[in-house]
Amino acid sequence: MDTFANSPAIFFILYFVFLLATLVASIISLVIHKHGRLFSLLTILLVPVLFITSFYNALMRSGGTTEIQFFFISLSRGDGSTLIMTACWILLLCWWIWMISFRFHLRKKG
């Protein structure tokens, strides 16, 4: 029986849904908000990089490992695409934190 962690199809679907949600949110943020346009533009550029590096990692993946295991194995070996992917994920996480804190700031401001 497949579990969530061992099912690459579910992992990839959720992964790409998250990336698409990030892309849509950053485009909306770029159009609507005056603040943070550079950060939103950077996020829009990062999502395709994550798509490309994800497909590269999936193609280069050795058999029998899950995506998460492969990610950490590649990271420990210093694989370039995994390092790029890690940097992009850190920037995307910063973008989501910034967006959430910006929303709370706008609500407090009135």
N, C-alpha and C. Protein backbone atom coordinates (compact mmCIF):
# COMPACT_ATOMS: atom_id res chain seq x y z
N MET A 1 0.84 -1.17 0.00
CA MET A 1 0.00 0.00 0.00
C MET A 1 0.89 1.25 0.00
N ASP A 2 0.59 2.17 -0.88
CA ASP A 2 1.37 3.41 -0.96
C ASP A 2 0.99 4.36 0.16
N THR A 3 1.99 4.93 0.75
CA THR A 3 1.74 6.00 1.71
C THR A 3 2.00 7.33 1.01
N PHE A 4 1.67 8.43 1.70
CA PHE A 4 1.85 9.74 1.09
C PHE A 4 3.31 10.00 0.74
N ALA A 5 4.21 9.67 1.64
CA ALA A 5 5.63 9.95 1.41
C ALA A 5 6.21 9.12 0.27
N ASN A 6 5.64 7.95 0.00
CA ASN A 6 6.19 7.08 -1.04
C ASN A 6 5.47 7.21 -2.37
N SER A 7 4.57 8.15 -2.48
CA SER A 7 3.82 8.31 -3.71
C SER A 7 4.29 9.55 -4.47
N PRO A 8 5.17 9.37 -5.45
CA PRO A 8 5.69 10.52 -6.19
C PRO A 8 4.60 11.29 -6.93
N ALA A 9 3.57 10.60 -7.40
CA ALA A 9 2.52 11.28 -8.16
C ALA A 9 1.80 12.30 -7.27
N ILE A 10 1.43 11.92 -6.08
CA ILE A 10 0.74 12.84 -5.16
C ILE A 10 1.68 13.97 -4.77
N PHE A 11 2.94 13.64 -4.51
CA PHE A 11 3.92 14.66 -4.13
C PHE A 11 4.07 15.69 -5.24
N PHE A 12 4.20 15.23 -6.48
CA PHE A 12 4.36 16.16 -7.58
C PHE A 12 3.11 17.00 -7.82
N ILE A 13 1.94 16.40 -7.69
CA ILE A 13 0.70 17.16 -7.86
C ILE A 13 0.63 18.28 -6.83
N LEU A 14 0.86 17.95 -5.56
CA LEU A 14 0.82 18.98 -4.51
C LEU A 14 1.93 20.01 -4.71
N TYR A 15 3.08 19.56 -5.12
CA TYR A 15 4.22 20.45 -5.37
C TYR A 15 3.88 21.46 -6.46
N PHE A 16 3.34 20.98 -7.57
CA PHE A 16 3.03 21.88 -8.67
C PHE A 16 1.82 22.76 -8.37
N VAL A 17 0.87 22.26 -7.59
CA VAL A 17 -0.25 23.11 -7.17
C VAL A 17 0.27 24.26 -6.32
N PHE A 18 1.22 23.97 -5.40
CA PHE A 18 1.82 25.02 -4.59
C PHE A 18 2.56 26.03 -5.46
N LEU A 19 3.33 25.55 -6.43
CA LEU A 19 4.06 26.47 -7.30
C LEU A 19 3.11 27.31 -8.15
N LEU A 20 2.03 26.71 -8.63
CA LEU A 20 1.05 27.47 -9.40
C LEU A 20 0.35 28.51 -8.54
N ALA A 21 0.01 28.13 -7.30
CA ALA A 21 -0.61 29.09 -6.38
C ALA A 21 0.34 30.25 -6.09
N THR A 22 1.61 29.94 -5.93
CA THR A 22 2.61 31.00 -5.70
C THR A 22 2.71 31.90 -6.92
N LEU A 23 2.70 31.31 -8.10
CA LEU A 23 2.79 32.10 -9.32
C LEU A 23 1.59 33.02 -9.47
N VAL A 24 0.39 32.50 -9.26
CA VAL A 24 -0.83 33.31 -9.36
C VAL A 24 -0.84 34.42 -8.31
N ALA A 25 -0.49 34.08 -7.08
CA ALA A 25 -0.48 35.08 -6.01
C ALA A 25 0.55 36.17 -6.28
N SER A 26 1.70 35.80 -6.82
CA SER A 26 2.72 36.81 -7.10
C SER A 26 2.32 37.70 -8.27
N ILE A 27 1.63 37.16 -9.26
CA ILE A 27 1.13 37.98 -10.37
C ILE A 27 0.07 38.95 -9.87
N ILE A 28 -0.85 38.47 -9.03
CA ILE A 28 -1.87 39.34 -8.45
C ILE A 28 -1.21 40.43 -7.60
N SER A 29 -0.22 40.04 -6.81
CA SER A 29 0.50 41.00 -5.98
C SER A 29 1.23 42.04 -6.83
N LEU A 30 1.79 41.59 -7.92
CA LEU A 30 2.52 42.50 -8.82
C LEU A 30 1.58 43.53 -9.42
N VAL A 31 0.37 43.11 -9.77
CA VAL A 31 -0.59 43.99 -10.43
C VAL A 31 -1.26 44.93 -9.42
N ILE A 32 -1.65 44.40 -8.26
CA ILE A 32 -2.47 45.16 -7.32
C ILE A 32 -1.66 46.07 -6.40
N HIS A 33 -0.59 45.55 -5.81
CA HIS A 33 0.13 46.29 -4.77
C HIS A 33 1.23 47.16 -5.35
N LYS A 34 1.42 48.31 -4.70
CA LYS A 34 2.51 49.20 -5.10
C LYS A 34 3.82 48.78 -4.44
N HIS A 35 3.72 48.16 -3.27
CA HIS A 35 4.92 47.77 -2.53
C HIS A 35 5.30 46.33 -2.89
N GLY A 36 6.56 46.08 -2.96
CA GLY A 36 7.04 44.72 -3.16
C GLY A 36 6.97 44.22 -4.58
N ARG A 37 6.94 45.12 -5.54
CA ARG A 37 6.84 44.68 -6.94
C ARG A 37 8.09 43.93 -7.38
N LEU A 38 9.25 44.37 -6.93
CA LEU A 38 10.48 43.68 -7.30
C LEU A 38 10.51 42.27 -6.73
N PHE A 39 10.06 42.12 -5.48
CA PHE A 39 10.02 40.80 -4.85
C PHE A 39 9.02 39.89 -5.57
N SER A 40 7.87 40.43 -5.97
CA SER A 40 6.89 39.63 -6.71
C SER A 40 7.42 39.25 -8.08
N LEU A 41 8.11 40.17 -8.73
CA LEU A 41 8.69 39.86 -10.04
C LEU A 41 9.75 38.78 -9.92
N LEU A 42 10.57 38.86 -8.86
CA LEU A 42 11.57 37.82 -8.61
C LEU A 42 10.90 36.46 -8.39
N THR A 43 9.79 36.47 -7.66
CA THR A 43 9.06 35.22 -7.40
C THR A 43 8.51 34.64 -8.70
N ILE A 44 7.99 35.50 -9.56
CA ILE A 44 7.48 35.03 -10.85
C ILE A 44 8.59 34.37 -11.67
N LEU A 45 9.79 34.90 -11.56
CA LEU A 45 10.92 34.31 -12.29
C LEU A 45 11.44 33.03 -11.63
N LEU A 46 11.25 32.91 -10.31
CA LEU A 46 11.76 31.73 -9.60
C LEU A 46 10.92 30.48 -9.86
N VAL A 47 9.62 30.65 -10.07
CA VAL A 47 8.75 29.48 -10.23
C VAL A 47 9.16 28.63 -11.44
N PRO A 48 9.43 29.22 -12.61
CA PRO A 48 9.91 28.37 -13.72
C PRO A 48 11.24 27.68 -13.42
N VAL A 49 12.12 28.35 -12.67
CA VAL A 49 13.39 27.72 -12.28
C VAL A 49 13.11 26.48 -11.44
N LEU A 50 12.15 26.58 -10.51
CA LEU A 50 11.80 25.43 -9.69
C LEU A 50 11.18 24.31 -10.52
N PHE A 51 10.34 24.66 -11.50
CA PHE A 51 9.78 23.64 -12.39
C PHE A 51 10.90 22.90 -13.12
N ILE A 52 11.83 23.66 -13.69
CA ILE A 52 12.91 23.05 -14.48
C ILE A 52 13.80 22.18 -13.60
N THR A 53 14.22 22.69 -12.44
CA THR A 53 15.10 21.90 -11.59
C THR A 53 14.38 20.68 -11.03
N SER A 54 13.07 20.79 -10.82
CA SER A 54 12.31 19.63 -10.33
C SER A 54 12.27 18.53 -11.37
N PHE A 55 12.02 18.91 -12.63
CA PHE A 55 12.00 17.90 -13.68
C PHE A 55 13.39 17.30 -13.88
N TYR A 56 14.43 18.13 -13.79
CA TYR A 56 15.80 17.63 -13.92
C TYR A 56 16.10 16.62 -12.80
N ASN A 57 15.74 16.98 -11.57
CA ASN A 57 15.98 16.07 -10.45
C ASN A 57 15.17 14.78 -10.60
N ALA A 58 13.95 14.88 -11.11
CA ALA A 58 13.14 13.68 -11.31
C ALA A 58 13.75 12.79 -12.38
N LEU A 59 14.31 13.40 -13.42
CA LEU A 59 14.92 12.61 -14.49
C LEU A 59 16.23 11.97 -14.04
N MET A 60 16.98 12.66 -13.20
CA MET A 60 18.27 12.15 -12.75
C MET A 60 18.15 11.26 -11.51
N ARG A 61 16.96 11.08 -11.03
CA ARG A 61 16.72 10.35 -9.79
C ARG A 61 17.09 8.87 -9.94
N SER A 62 17.73 8.36 -8.92
CA SER A 62 18.03 6.93 -8.95
C SER A 62 16.79 6.16 -8.52
N GLY A 63 16.64 4.95 -9.02
CA GLY A 63 15.45 4.16 -8.74
C GLY A 63 15.33 3.75 -7.28
N GLY A 64 14.10 3.72 -6.79
CA GLY A 64 13.84 3.24 -5.45
C GLY A 64 13.83 4.30 -4.36
N THR A 65 14.22 5.53 -4.68
CA THR A 65 14.19 6.58 -3.66
C THR A 65 12.99 7.47 -3.89
N THR A 66 12.47 8.00 -2.80
CA THR A 66 11.38 8.96 -2.93
C THR A 66 11.96 10.31 -3.30
N GLU A 67 11.10 11.24 -3.70
CA GLU A 67 11.57 12.57 -4.08
C GLU A 67 12.27 13.27 -2.92
N ILE A 68 11.71 13.14 -1.74
CA ILE A 68 12.29 13.81 -0.58
C ILE A 68 13.66 13.23 -0.25
N GLN A 69 13.78 11.89 -0.29
CA GLN A 69 15.08 11.27 -0.05
C GLN A 69 16.10 11.71 -1.10
N PHE A 70 15.67 11.74 -2.36
CA PHE A 70 16.56 12.14 -3.44
C PHE A 70 17.02 13.58 -3.25
N PHE A 71 16.09 14.45 -2.81
CA PHE A 71 16.44 15.85 -2.59
C PHE A 71 17.56 15.98 -1.56
N PHE A 72 17.44 15.28 -0.43
CA PHE A 72 18.47 15.38 0.61
C PHE A 72 19.77 14.70 0.20
N ILE A 73 19.69 13.60 -0.56
CA ILE A 73 20.90 12.95 -1.06
C ILE A 73 21.64 13.89 -2.01
N SER A 74 20.90 14.52 -2.93
CA SER A 74 21.51 15.44 -3.88
C SER A 74 22.08 16.67 -3.18
N LEU A 75 21.37 17.15 -2.17
CA LEU A 75 21.83 18.32 -1.42
C LEU A 75 23.14 18.00 -0.70
N SER A 76 23.23 16.79 -0.13
CA SER A 76 24.46 16.43 0.59
C SER A 76 25.63 16.24 -0.37
N ARG A 77 25.36 15.89 -1.62
CA ARG A 77 26.43 15.73 -2.62
C ARG A 77 26.81 17.07 -3.26
N GLY A 78 26.02 18.10 -3.01
CA GLY A 78 26.32 19.41 -3.59
C GLY A 78 25.91 19.52 -5.05
N ASP A 79 24.87 18.79 -5.45
CA ASP A 79 24.38 18.85 -6.82
C ASP A 79 23.89 20.28 -7.12
N GLY A 80 24.33 20.83 -8.24
CA GLY A 80 24.02 22.22 -8.57
C GLY A 80 22.54 22.52 -8.68
N SER A 81 21.78 21.65 -9.35
CA SER A 81 20.35 21.92 -9.51
C SER A 81 19.63 21.88 -8.18
N THR A 82 20.05 21.01 -7.28
CA THR A 82 19.43 20.93 -5.97
C THR A 82 19.76 22.17 -5.14
N LEU A 83 20.97 22.68 -5.27
CA LEU A 83 21.33 23.90 -4.56
C LEU A 83 20.52 25.08 -5.09
N ILE A 84 20.33 25.14 -6.40
CA ILE A 84 19.49 26.19 -6.99
C ILE A 84 18.06 26.06 -6.48
N MET A 85 17.55 24.82 -6.46
CA MET A 85 16.19 24.58 -5.99
C MET A 85 16.05 24.98 -4.53
N THR A 86 17.04 24.69 -3.71
CA THR A 86 17.00 25.05 -2.29
C THR A 86 16.97 26.57 -2.13
N ALA A 87 17.80 27.26 -2.87
CA ALA A 87 17.81 28.72 -2.80
C ALA A 87 16.46 29.30 -3.24
N CYS A 88 15.88 28.73 -4.29
CA CYS A 88 14.58 29.21 -4.75
C CYS A 88 13.50 28.96 -3.71
N TRP A 89 13.54 27.79 -3.07
CA TRP A 89 12.55 27.49 -2.03
C TRP A 89 12.68 28.44 -0.85
N ILE A 90 13.91 28.78 -0.47
CA ILE A 90 14.10 29.72 0.63
C ILE A 90 13.54 31.09 0.26
N LEU A 91 13.78 31.53 -0.98
CA LEU A 91 13.24 32.81 -1.43
C LEU A 91 11.72 32.78 -1.51
N LEU A 92 11.14 31.66 -1.96
CA LEU A 92 9.69 31.55 -2.00
C LEU A 92 9.09 31.57 -0.60
N LEU A 93 9.74 30.90 0.32
CA LEU A 93 9.27 30.93 1.70
C LEU A 93 9.32 32.34 2.27
N CYS A 94 10.40 33.07 1.97
CA CYS A 94 10.50 34.47 2.40
C CYS A 94 9.37 35.30 1.77
N TRP A 95 9.05 35.03 0.50
CA TRP A 95 7.98 35.77 -0.17
C TRP A 95 6.64 35.53 0.52
N TRP A 96 6.33 34.26 0.85
CA TRP A 96 5.07 33.96 1.53
C TRP A 96 5.02 34.61 2.91
N ILE A 97 6.12 34.59 3.64
CA ILE A 97 6.17 35.24 4.96
C ILE A 97 5.96 36.75 4.80
N TRP A 98 6.61 37.33 3.80
CA TRP A 98 6.45 38.75 3.55
C TRP A 98 5.01 39.09 3.19
N MET A 99 4.39 38.29 2.32
CA MET A 99 3.00 38.55 1.92
C MET A 99 2.05 38.45 3.10
N ILE A 100 2.22 37.45 3.94
CA ILE A 100 1.34 37.29 5.10
C ILE A 100 1.53 38.44 6.08
N SER A 101 2.78 38.80 6.35
CA SER A 101 3.03 39.91 7.28
C SER A 101 2.53 41.23 6.69
N PHE A 102 2.63 41.41 5.38
CA PHE A 102 2.14 42.61 4.72
C PHE A 102 0.62 42.71 4.83
N ARG A 103 -0.07 41.59 4.70
CA ARG A 103 -1.53 41.56 4.85
C ARG A 103 -1.94 41.96 6.26
N PHE A 104 -1.24 41.42 7.26
CA PHE A 104 -1.55 41.77 8.64
C PHE A 104 -1.26 43.24 8.90
N HIS A 105 -0.20 43.77 8.28
CA HIS A 105 0.14 45.18 8.43
C HIS A 105 -0.97 46.06 7.83
N LEU A 106 -1.49 45.66 6.67
CA LEU A 106 -2.57 46.42 6.05
C LEU A 106 -3.85 46.37 6.89
N ARG A 107 -4.15 45.23 7.48
CA ARG A 107 -5.33 45.12 8.33
C ARG A 107 -5.22 45.98 9.58
N LYS A 108 -4.02 46.01 10.19
CA LYS A 108 -3.80 46.83 11.38
C LYS A 108 -3.89 48.31 11.04
N LYS A 109 -3.37 48.66 9.88
CA LYS A 109 -3.35 50.06 9.45
C LYS A 109 -4.76 50.57 9.18
N GLY A 110 -5.62 49.67 8.75
CA GLY A 110 -7.02 50.02 8.54
C GLY A 110 -7.26 50.29 7.13
